[in-house]
Amino acid sequence: MELVQPIKSKRDIERMKKALGKSRDRLLFIIGINSALRISDILQLKVGDVRDKDSIALRETKTRKTKRFPINESIRKAVRELISVEANDSDWLFPSRKGDKPISRVQAYRVLKGAAERAGLAIDIGTHSLRKTFAYHAYKANVDLSVLMTVLNHASQRETLRYIGIVQEDVDSVYNAINL
């Protein structure tokens, strides 16, 4: 299994958005980087789960735990811009062209990988990069690590730090910044 990375640069995030255009795929990306949901949970969303809502509530596929979180302004704006007014609340948010079901995890991966190539990103990207991107930027915004562990359902701080890609270069930057 390929180890994927978060998108650490806000400039790269904007490049991804541009590469995804004004489409369902851009909405997938925006929800992913702003929700910390796993792709399996994102793909199960329906239009009615997000349109005119203040929060998203669901049962996580992997953990079977109930999760509720507020819809931030980035998701709200993308929903307004990218969901057709003709869409029914019962429609899949990310519909497949192959019948009444959402796109597959594999198709979501292809969408993201293709956009990363068009955007010129030089990182290993996959569907899990969305969740990792949320966590990385929350950490960099000084969200308490114990809160972030709860959001991600992790058992240890070490697991969370490894998950979000705090690597040697980040450790080195601490030493380089302290000049007493």
N, C-alpha and C. Protein backbone atom coordinates (compact mmCIF):
# COMPACT_ATOMS: atom_id res chain seq x y z
N MET A 1 0.84 -1.18 0.00
CA MET A 1 0.00 0.00 0.00
C MET A 1 0.89 1.25 0.00
N GLU A 2 0.56 2.19 -0.86
CA GLU A 2 1.32 3.43 -1.00
C GLU A 2 1.04 4.36 0.17
N LEU A 3 2.10 4.93 0.74
CA LEU A 3 1.97 5.89 1.81
C LEU A 3 1.75 7.27 1.21
N VAL A 4 0.61 7.88 1.49
CA VAL A 4 0.30 9.19 0.92
C VAL A 4 0.58 10.28 1.94
N GLN A 5 0.73 11.48 1.43
CA GLN A 5 1.10 12.62 2.25
C GLN A 5 -0.01 13.66 2.28
N PRO A 6 0.00 14.53 3.31
CA PRO A 6 -0.90 15.67 3.29
C PRO A 6 -0.39 16.70 2.29
N ILE A 7 -1.27 17.58 1.87
CA ILE A 7 -0.85 18.72 1.05
C ILE A 7 -0.52 19.82 2.04
N LYS A 8 0.75 20.09 2.21
CA LYS A 8 1.20 21.00 3.27
C LYS A 8 1.17 22.47 2.87
N SER A 9 1.25 22.75 1.61
CA SER A 9 1.30 24.13 1.13
C SER A 9 -0.10 24.62 0.74
N LYS A 10 -0.50 25.77 1.29
CA LYS A 10 -1.79 26.35 0.91
C LYS A 10 -1.80 26.72 -0.58
N ARG A 11 -0.65 27.07 -1.10
CA ARG A 11 -0.55 27.36 -2.53
C ARG A 11 -0.87 26.10 -3.35
N ASP A 12 -0.37 24.94 -2.90
CA ASP A 12 -0.67 23.68 -3.59
C ASP A 12 -2.14 23.32 -3.48
N ILE A 13 -2.76 23.65 -2.35
CA ILE A 13 -4.21 23.41 -2.20
C ILE A 13 -4.96 24.23 -3.23
N GLU A 14 -4.59 25.49 -3.41
CA GLU A 14 -5.24 26.35 -4.40
C GLU A 14 -4.99 25.83 -5.81
N ARG A 15 -3.80 25.32 -6.07
CA ARG A 15 -3.50 24.73 -7.38
C ARG A 15 -4.37 23.50 -7.64
N MET A 16 -4.60 22.70 -6.61
CA MET A 16 -5.49 21.53 -6.75
C MET A 16 -6.91 21.98 -7.06
N LYS A 17 -7.41 22.98 -6.33
CA LYS A 17 -8.76 23.48 -6.58
C LYS A 17 -8.91 23.94 -8.03
N LYS A 18 -7.92 24.67 -8.50
CA LYS A 18 -7.95 25.17 -9.88
C LYS A 18 -7.94 24.00 -10.86
N ALA A 19 -7.11 22.99 -10.61
CA ALA A 19 -7.02 21.83 -11.49
C ALA A 19 -8.32 21.03 -11.52
N LEU A 20 -9.09 21.10 -10.44
CA LEU A 20 -10.35 20.35 -10.37
C LEU A 20 -11.51 21.11 -11.01
N GLY A 21 -11.33 22.41 -11.26
CA GLY A 21 -12.36 23.19 -11.94
C GLY A 21 -13.60 23.38 -11.09
N LYS A 22 -14.67 23.77 -11.73
CA LYS A 22 -15.96 23.99 -11.06
C LYS A 22 -16.81 22.73 -11.26
N SER A 23 -16.52 21.72 -10.45
CA SER A 23 -17.14 20.41 -10.68
C SER A 23 -17.40 19.68 -9.38
N ARG A 24 -18.03 18.55 -9.53
CA ARG A 24 -18.27 17.62 -8.43
C ARG A 24 -16.95 17.24 -7.79
N ASP A 25 -15.91 17.13 -8.59
CA ASP A 25 -14.60 16.71 -8.10
C ASP A 25 -13.99 17.76 -7.17
N ARG A 26 -14.21 19.02 -7.47
CA ARG A 26 -13.73 20.10 -6.61
C ARG A 26 -14.47 20.05 -5.27
N LEU A 27 -15.77 19.77 -5.32
CA LEU A 27 -16.56 19.65 -4.09
C LEU A 27 -16.04 18.49 -3.23
N LEU A 28 -15.71 17.38 -3.86
CA LEU A 28 -15.13 16.24 -3.15
C LEU A 28 -13.85 16.66 -2.42
N PHE A 29 -13.00 17.37 -3.12
CA PHE A 29 -11.73 17.83 -2.55
C PHE A 29 -11.98 18.78 -1.38
N ILE A 30 -12.85 19.74 -1.57
CA ILE A 30 -13.11 20.74 -0.53
C ILE A 30 -13.72 20.10 0.71
N ILE A 31 -14.68 19.22 0.53
CA ILE A 31 -15.26 18.53 1.69
C ILE A 31 -14.18 17.69 2.37
N GLY A 32 -13.36 17.01 1.60
CA GLY A 32 -12.32 16.16 2.18
C GLY A 32 -11.31 16.91 3.02
N ILE A 33 -10.82 18.05 2.52
CA ILE A 33 -9.79 18.79 3.26
C ILE A 33 -10.35 19.63 4.39
N ASN A 34 -11.68 19.73 4.47
CA ASN A 34 -12.30 20.55 5.52
C ASN A 34 -13.11 19.74 6.52
N SER A 35 -13.07 18.41 6.42
CA SER A 35 -13.94 17.61 7.30
C SER A 35 -13.21 16.51 8.08
N ALA A 36 -12.04 16.10 7.65
CA ALA A 36 -11.31 14.98 8.26
C ALA A 36 -12.05 13.66 8.11
N LEU A 37 -13.00 13.60 7.20
CA LEU A 37 -13.71 12.34 6.95
C LEU A 37 -12.87 11.44 6.06
N ARG A 38 -13.04 10.14 6.25
CA ARG A 38 -12.43 9.17 5.35
C ARG A 38 -13.22 9.17 4.05
N ILE A 39 -12.56 8.80 2.96
CA ILE A 39 -13.20 8.83 1.66
C ILE A 39 -14.45 7.96 1.63
N SER A 40 -14.44 6.84 2.34
CA SER A 40 -15.62 5.96 2.36
C SER A 40 -16.84 6.67 2.94
N ASP A 41 -16.62 7.59 3.87
CA ASP A 41 -17.73 8.35 4.46
C ASP A 41 -18.15 9.51 3.56
N ILE A 42 -17.18 10.16 2.92
CA ILE A 42 -17.50 11.26 2.01
C ILE A 42 -18.37 10.77 0.86
N LEU A 43 -18.01 9.62 0.30
CA LEU A 43 -18.72 9.12 -0.87
C LEU A 43 -20.16 8.71 -0.57
N GLN A 44 -20.48 8.46 0.69
CA GLN A 44 -21.84 8.08 1.07
C GLN A 44 -22.77 9.27 1.28
N LEU A 45 -22.22 10.49 1.19
CA LEU A 45 -23.05 11.67 1.41
C LEU A 45 -24.04 11.88 0.28
N LYS A 46 -25.20 12.39 0.65
CA LYS A 46 -26.23 12.75 -0.32
C LYS A 46 -26.40 14.27 -0.28
N VAL A 47 -27.02 14.80 -1.31
CA VAL A 47 -27.22 16.25 -1.42
C VAL A 47 -27.88 16.79 -0.16
N GLY A 48 -28.89 16.11 0.34
CA GLY A 48 -29.61 16.56 1.53
C GLY A 48 -28.79 16.56 2.80
N ASP A 49 -27.65 15.87 2.79
CA ASP A 49 -26.78 15.86 3.98
C ASP A 49 -26.02 17.17 4.13
N VAL A 50 -25.90 17.94 3.04
CA VAL A 50 -25.09 19.16 3.09
C VAL A 50 -25.83 20.43 2.68
N ARG A 51 -26.80 20.31 1.82
CA ARG A 51 -27.49 21.51 1.32
C ARG A 51 -28.33 22.13 2.43
N ASP A 52 -28.12 23.43 2.65
CA ASP A 52 -28.86 24.20 3.67
C ASP A 52 -28.70 23.63 5.08
N LYS A 53 -27.57 23.02 5.35
CA LYS A 53 -27.30 22.45 6.67
C LYS A 53 -26.21 23.25 7.37
N ASP A 54 -26.21 23.19 8.69
CA ASP A 54 -25.17 23.81 9.50
C ASP A 54 -24.12 22.80 9.95
N SER A 55 -24.49 21.51 9.89
CA SER A 55 -23.56 20.47 10.32
C SER A 55 -23.83 19.20 9.53
N ILE A 56 -22.86 18.30 9.60
CA ILE A 56 -22.99 16.97 9.00
C ILE A 56 -22.96 15.97 10.13
N ALA A 57 -23.90 15.04 10.10
CA ALA A 57 -23.94 13.96 11.10
C ALA A 57 -23.98 12.64 10.34
N LEU A 58 -23.15 11.70 10.78
CA LEU A 58 -23.12 10.39 10.13
C LEU A 58 -22.53 9.36 11.06
N ARG A 59 -22.65 8.11 10.66
CA ARG A 59 -22.00 7.02 11.37
C ARG A 59 -20.81 6.61 10.51
N GLU A 60 -19.61 6.71 11.09
CA GLU A 60 -18.41 6.41 10.32
C GLU A 60 -18.38 4.93 9.92
N THR A 61 -18.02 4.71 8.68
CA THR A 61 -17.97 3.35 8.14
C THR A 61 -16.95 2.49 8.88
N LYS A 62 -15.76 3.01 9.11
CA LYS A 62 -14.68 2.21 9.71
C LYS A 62 -14.91 1.97 11.20
N THR A 63 -15.20 3.03 11.95
CA THR A 63 -15.28 2.91 13.41
C THR A 63 -16.68 2.61 13.92
N ARG A 64 -17.69 2.84 13.07
CA ARG A 64 -19.11 2.70 13.45
C ARG A 64 -19.51 3.73 14.51
N LYS A 65 -18.65 4.71 14.76
CA LYS A 65 -18.96 5.77 15.73
C LYS A 65 -19.76 6.87 15.04
N THR A 66 -20.63 7.50 15.82
CA THR A 66 -21.38 8.63 15.31
C THR A 66 -20.47 9.86 15.33
N LYS A 67 -20.51 10.60 14.25
CA LYS A 67 -19.69 11.81 14.15
C LYS A 67 -20.58 12.95 13.68
N ARG A 68 -20.42 14.11 14.34
CA ARG A 68 -21.12 15.32 13.93
C ARG A 68 -20.12 16.45 13.99
N PHE A 69 -20.14 17.28 12.96
CA PHE A 69 -19.24 18.43 12.95
C PHE A 69 -19.90 19.55 12.15
N PRO A 70 -19.56 20.80 12.48
CA PRO A 70 -20.15 21.93 11.76
C PRO A 70 -19.59 22.02 10.34
N ILE A 71 -20.43 22.49 9.44
CA ILE A 71 -20.00 22.76 8.07
C ILE A 71 -19.36 24.15 8.08
N ASN A 72 -18.08 24.21 7.72
CA ASN A 72 -17.39 25.50 7.72
C ASN A 72 -17.74 26.30 6.47
N GLU A 73 -17.28 27.54 6.42
CA GLU A 73 -17.62 28.42 5.31
C GLU A 73 -17.10 27.91 3.97
N SER A 74 -15.93 27.26 3.95
CA SER A 74 -15.39 26.73 2.70
C SER A 74 -16.32 25.66 2.10
N ILE A 75 -16.81 24.76 2.93
CA ILE A 75 -17.73 23.73 2.44
C ILE A 75 -19.05 24.38 2.04
N ARG A 76 -19.57 25.28 2.86
CA ARG A 76 -20.85 25.94 2.58
C ARG A 76 -20.80 26.65 1.22
N LYS A 77 -19.72 27.37 0.97
CA LYS A 77 -19.57 28.10 -0.29
C LYS A 77 -19.51 27.13 -1.48
N ALA A 78 -18.74 26.06 -1.33
CA ALA A 78 -18.61 25.07 -2.40
C ALA A 78 -19.95 24.39 -2.68
N VAL A 79 -20.71 24.10 -1.66
CA VAL A 79 -22.03 23.48 -1.83
C VAL A 79 -22.94 24.42 -2.63
N ARG A 80 -22.94 25.70 -2.25
CA ARG A 80 -23.78 26.68 -2.97
C ARG A 80 -23.37 26.79 -4.44
N GLU A 81 -22.07 26.79 -4.70
CA GLU A 81 -21.57 26.98 -6.06
C GLU A 81 -21.64 25.74 -6.93
N LEU A 82 -21.48 24.57 -6.33
CA LEU A 82 -21.24 23.37 -7.13
C LEU A 82 -22.37 22.35 -7.16
N ILE A 83 -23.40 22.55 -6.34
CA ILE A 83 -24.53 21.62 -6.39
C ILE A 83 -25.65 22.29 -7.18
N SER A 84 -26.13 21.59 -8.17
CA SER A 84 -27.19 22.11 -9.02
C SER A 84 -28.46 22.32 -8.20
N VAL A 85 -29.18 23.40 -8.49
CA VAL A 85 -30.44 23.66 -7.78
C VAL A 85 -31.48 22.59 -8.12
N GLU A 86 -31.29 21.91 -9.25
CA GLU A 86 -32.22 20.84 -9.65
C GLU A 86 -31.98 19.54 -8.91
N ALA A 87 -30.84 19.42 -8.25
CA ALA A 87 -30.51 18.17 -7.56
C ALA A 87 -31.50 17.92 -6.42
N ASN A 88 -31.92 16.67 -6.30
CA ASN A 88 -32.81 16.26 -5.21
C ASN A 88 -31.98 15.95 -3.97
N ASP A 89 -32.58 16.14 -2.80
CA ASP A 89 -31.89 15.84 -1.55
C ASP A 89 -31.48 14.37 -1.47
N SER A 90 -32.20 13.49 -2.16
CA SER A 90 -31.88 12.06 -2.11
C SER A 90 -30.80 11.64 -3.12
N ASP A 91 -30.34 12.58 -3.95
CA ASP A 91 -29.30 12.27 -4.92
C ASP A 91 -27.94 12.12 -4.23
N TRP A 92 -27.12 11.24 -4.77
CA TRP A 92 -25.74 11.12 -4.28
C TRP A 92 -25.03 12.43 -4.53
N LEU A 93 -24.21 12.86 -3.60
CA LEU A 93 -23.44 14.07 -3.76
C LEU A 93 -22.37 13.89 -4.84
N PHE A 94 -21.85 12.66 -4.94
CA PHE A 94 -20.82 12.34 -5.93
C PHE A 94 -21.28 11.15 -6.76
N PRO A 95 -22.25 11.39 -7.64
CA PRO A 95 -22.88 10.28 -8.37
C PRO A 95 -21.96 9.65 -9.41
N SER A 96 -22.10 8.35 -9.52
CA SER A 96 -21.39 7.61 -10.56
C SER A 96 -22.21 7.68 -11.84
N ARG A 97 -21.54 7.53 -12.95
CA ARG A 97 -22.26 7.44 -14.22
C ARG A 97 -22.80 6.03 -14.43
N LYS A 98 -22.43 5.12 -13.53
CA LYS A 98 -22.81 3.70 -13.67
C LYS A 98 -23.94 3.35 -12.71
N GLY A 99 -25.10 3.95 -12.91
CA GLY A 99 -26.25 3.59 -12.10
C GLY A 99 -26.41 4.46 -10.87
N ASP A 100 -27.33 4.05 -10.03
CA ASP A 100 -27.68 4.83 -8.84
C ASP A 100 -26.76 4.47 -7.68
N LYS A 101 -25.56 4.99 -7.72
CA LYS A 101 -24.59 4.79 -6.65
C LYS A 101 -23.56 5.91 -6.74
N PRO A 102 -22.79 6.10 -5.67
CA PRO A 102 -21.74 7.11 -5.73
C PRO A 102 -20.53 6.59 -6.51
N ILE A 103 -19.61 7.52 -6.83
CA ILE A 103 -18.37 7.07 -7.46
C ILE A 103 -17.64 6.14 -6.49
N SER A 104 -16.75 5.36 -7.03
CA SER A 104 -15.98 4.41 -6.20
C SER A 104 -14.77 5.10 -5.60
N ARG A 105 -14.17 4.44 -4.63
CA ARG A 105 -12.92 4.92 -4.04
C ARG A 105 -11.84 5.01 -5.11
N VAL A 106 -11.82 4.04 -6.01
CA VAL A 106 -10.83 4.03 -7.08
C VAL A 106 -11.02 5.24 -7.99
N GLN A 107 -12.27 5.56 -8.32
CA GLN A 107 -12.53 6.72 -9.17
C GLN A 107 -12.14 8.01 -8.44
N ALA A 108 -12.42 8.10 -7.16
CA ALA A 108 -12.02 9.27 -6.37
C ALA A 108 -10.50 9.41 -6.39
N TYR A 109 -9.79 8.30 -6.26
CA TYR A 109 -8.33 8.31 -6.33
C TYR A 109 -7.86 8.83 -7.68
N ARG A 110 -8.47 8.32 -8.77
CA ARG A 110 -8.07 8.76 -10.11
C ARG A 110 -8.28 10.26 -10.29
N VAL A 111 -9.39 10.76 -9.78
CA VAL A 111 -9.70 12.19 -9.87
C VAL A 111 -8.61 13.01 -9.18
N LEU A 112 -8.28 12.62 -7.94
CA LEU A 112 -7.29 13.37 -7.16
C LEU A 112 -5.90 13.25 -7.76
N LYS A 113 -5.53 12.05 -8.16
CA LYS A 113 -4.20 11.83 -8.75
C LYS A 113 -4.05 12.63 -10.04
N GLY A 114 -5.08 12.63 -10.86
CA GLY A 114 -5.03 13.40 -12.11
C GLY A 114 -4.93 14.89 -11.85
N ALA A 115 -5.68 15.38 -10.88
CA ALA A 115 -5.62 16.81 -10.55
C ALA A 115 -4.25 17.19 -10.01
N ALA A 116 -3.67 16.31 -9.19
CA ALA A 116 -2.34 16.59 -8.64
C ALA A 116 -1.30 16.66 -9.75
N GLU A 117 -1.43 15.79 -10.74
CA GLU A 117 -0.51 15.83 -11.88
C GLU A 117 -0.69 17.13 -12.67
N ARG A 118 -1.95 17.51 -12.94
CA ARG A 118 -2.21 18.76 -13.67
C ARG A 118 -1.72 19.98 -12.89
N ALA A 119 -1.81 19.90 -11.56
CA ALA A 119 -1.39 21.01 -10.70
C ALA A 119 0.11 21.02 -10.48
N GLY A 120 0.80 19.97 -10.89
CA GLY A 120 2.24 19.90 -10.74
C GLY A 120 2.71 19.62 -9.32
N LEU A 121 1.89 18.95 -8.52
CA LEU A 121 2.28 18.62 -7.15
C LEU A 121 3.28 17.48 -7.15
N ALA A 122 4.31 17.64 -6.35
CA ALA A 122 5.37 16.63 -6.28
C ALA A 122 5.27 15.85 -4.98
N ILE A 123 4.08 15.37 -4.65
CA ILE A 123 3.90 14.55 -3.44
C ILE A 123 3.13 13.29 -3.81
N ASP A 124 3.24 12.28 -2.95
CA ASP A 124 2.44 11.08 -3.12
C ASP A 124 1.05 11.40 -2.62
N ILE A 125 0.08 11.43 -3.51
CA ILE A 125 -1.28 11.82 -3.15
C ILE A 125 -2.25 10.68 -3.38
N GLY A 126 -3.24 10.62 -2.54
CA GLY A 126 -4.31 9.64 -2.67
C GLY A 126 -5.54 10.18 -1.95
N THR A 127 -6.55 9.36 -1.84
CA THR A 127 -7.77 9.83 -1.19
C THR A 127 -7.54 10.17 0.27
N HIS A 128 -6.63 9.46 0.91
CA HIS A 128 -6.37 9.71 2.33
C HIS A 128 -5.60 11.01 2.55
N SER A 129 -5.02 11.56 1.48
CA SER A 129 -4.34 12.85 1.58
C SER A 129 -5.31 13.95 2.02
N LEU A 130 -6.59 13.80 1.69
CA LEU A 130 -7.57 14.82 2.08
C LEU A 130 -7.67 14.90 3.60
N ARG A 131 -7.87 13.77 4.23
CA ARG A 131 -7.98 13.71 5.69
C ARG A 131 -6.67 14.15 6.36
N LYS A 132 -5.56 13.72 5.79
CA LYS A 132 -4.26 14.10 6.35
C LYS A 132 -4.01 15.60 6.18
N THR A 133 -4.49 16.19 5.09
CA THR A 133 -4.32 17.62 4.87
C THR A 133 -5.08 18.40 5.93
N PHE A 134 -6.30 18.00 6.22
CA PHE A 134 -7.07 18.65 7.29
C PHE A 134 -6.28 18.59 8.59
N ALA A 135 -5.81 17.41 8.94
CA ALA A 135 -5.12 17.22 10.22
C ALA A 135 -3.82 18.02 10.28
N TYR A 136 -3.08 18.03 9.20
CA TYR A 136 -1.81 18.77 9.17
C TYR A 136 -2.06 20.27 9.40
N HIS A 137 -3.03 20.83 8.69
CA HIS A 137 -3.28 22.27 8.82
C HIS A 137 -3.91 22.62 10.17
N ALA A 138 -4.68 21.71 10.73
CA ALA A 138 -5.20 21.94 12.09
C ALA A 138 -4.04 21.97 13.08
N TYR A 139 -3.12 21.04 12.94
CA TYR A 139 -1.95 21.00 13.81
C TYR A 139 -1.12 22.27 13.67
N LYS A 140 -0.89 22.71 12.44
CA LYS A 140 -0.10 23.91 12.19
C LYS A 140 -0.82 25.18 12.69
N ALA A 141 -2.15 25.10 12.83
CA ALA A 141 -2.93 26.22 13.37
C ALA A 141 -3.01 26.15 14.89
N ASN A 142 -2.19 25.29 15.48
CA ASN A 142 -2.08 25.13 16.93
C ASN A 142 -3.31 24.52 17.60
N VAL A 143 -4.04 23.69 16.86
CA VAL A 143 -5.11 22.91 17.49
C VAL A 143 -4.43 21.96 18.46
N ASP A 144 -4.94 21.88 19.66
CA ASP A 144 -4.36 21.01 20.68
C ASP A 144 -4.30 19.58 20.15
N LEU A 145 -3.16 18.94 20.34
CA LEU A 145 -2.94 17.60 19.81
C LEU A 145 -3.95 16.60 20.35
N SER A 146 -4.36 16.74 21.60
CA SER A 146 -5.35 15.81 22.16
C SER A 146 -6.71 15.99 21.47
N VAL A 147 -7.05 17.21 21.10
CA VAL A 147 -8.31 17.45 20.37
C VAL A 147 -8.20 16.84 18.98
N LEU A 148 -7.07 17.04 18.33
CA LEU A 148 -6.86 16.47 17.00
C LEU A 148 -6.92 14.94 17.04
N MET A 149 -6.36 14.35 18.07
CA MET A 149 -6.45 12.90 18.24
C MET A 149 -7.90 12.45 18.30
N THR A 150 -8.73 13.21 19.00
CA THR A 150 -10.15 12.89 19.12
C THR A 150 -10.85 13.00 17.76
N VAL A 151 -10.56 14.08 17.04
CA VAL A 151 -11.15 14.27 15.71
C VAL A 151 -10.82 13.09 14.81
N LEU A 152 -9.58 12.62 14.87
CA LEU A 152 -9.12 11.54 14.00
C LEU A 152 -9.36 10.14 14.56
N ASN A 153 -9.82 10.06 15.80
CA ASN A 153 -10.02 8.77 16.48
C ASN A 153 -8.71 8.00 16.60
N HIS A 154 -7.64 8.71 16.98
CA HIS A 154 -6.34 8.07 17.19
C HIS A 154 -6.14 7.79 18.68
N ALA A 155 -5.33 6.77 18.96
CA ALA A 155 -5.11 6.35 20.34
C ALA A 155 -3.91 7.04 20.99
N SER A 156 -2.99 7.58 20.18
CA SER A 156 -1.79 8.18 20.77
C SER A 156 -1.36 9.42 20.00
N GLN A 157 -0.64 10.30 20.69
CA GLN A 157 -0.09 11.49 20.04
C GLN A 157 0.93 11.09 18.98
N ARG A 158 1.71 10.09 19.28
CA ARG A 158 2.73 9.62 18.33
C ARG A 158 2.08 9.20 17.01
N GLU A 159 0.96 8.47 17.12
CA GLU A 159 0.23 8.04 15.92
C GLU A 159 -0.24 9.25 15.12
N THR A 160 -0.77 10.24 15.80
CA THR A 160 -1.28 11.44 15.13
C THR A 160 -0.16 12.21 14.45
N LEU A 161 0.96 12.40 15.13
CA LEU A 161 2.09 13.13 14.54
C LEU A 161 2.64 12.41 13.31
N ARG A 162 2.77 11.10 13.39
CA ARG A 162 3.25 10.32 12.24
C ARG A 162 2.23 10.41 11.09
N TYR A 163 0.97 10.35 11.44
CA TYR A 163 -0.12 10.39 10.47
C TYR A 163 -0.11 11.68 9.64
N ILE A 164 0.13 12.81 10.30
CA ILE A 164 0.06 14.09 9.60
C ILE A 164 1.38 14.48 8.95
N GLY A 165 2.38 13.64 9.08
CA GLY A 165 3.61 13.88 8.35
C GLY A 165 4.59 14.81 9.03
N ILE A 166 4.56 14.84 10.37
CA ILE A 166 5.58 15.61 11.07
C ILE A 166 6.85 14.76 11.00
N VAL A 167 7.74 15.18 10.15
CA VAL A 167 8.93 14.39 9.82
C VAL A 167 10.19 15.16 10.23
N GLN A 168 11.33 14.60 9.92
CA GLN A 168 12.60 15.17 10.36
C GLN A 168 12.76 16.64 9.96
N GLU A 169 12.32 17.02 8.76
CA GLU A 169 12.47 18.42 8.35
C GLU A 169 11.72 19.36 9.29
N ASP A 170 10.58 18.91 9.81
CA ASP A 170 9.83 19.73 10.77
C ASP A 170 10.58 19.83 12.10
N VAL A 171 11.17 18.72 12.51
CA VAL A 171 11.97 18.72 13.73
C VAL A 171 13.19 19.63 13.54
N ASP A 172 13.84 19.52 12.40
CA ASP A 172 15.00 20.36 12.11
C ASP A 172 14.65 21.85 12.14
N SER A 173 13.47 22.20 11.64
CA SER A 173 13.08 23.61 11.61
C SER A 173 12.95 24.20 13.01
N VAL A 174 12.61 23.37 14.00
CA VAL A 174 12.55 23.84 15.38
C VAL A 174 13.96 24.24 15.84
N TYR A 175 14.93 23.37 15.57
CA TYR A 175 16.31 23.68 15.96
C TYR A 175 16.84 24.91 15.22
N ASN A 176 16.51 25.03 13.97
CA ASN A 176 16.98 26.18 13.19
C ASN A 176 16.32 27.49 13.62
N ALA A 177 15.12 27.42 14.18
CA ALA A 177 14.40 28.62 14.60
C ALA A 177 14.86 29.15 15.95
N ILE A 178 15.43 28.28 16.77
CA ILE A 178 15.85 28.70 18.12
C ILE A 178 17.32 29.11 18.08
N ASN A 179 17.53 30.38 18.21
CA ASN A 179 18.88 30.93 18.20
C ASN A 179 19.04 31.82 19.44
N LEU A 180 19.29 31.22 20.57
CA LEU A 180 19.34 31.94 21.83
C LEU A 180 20.70 32.58 22.08
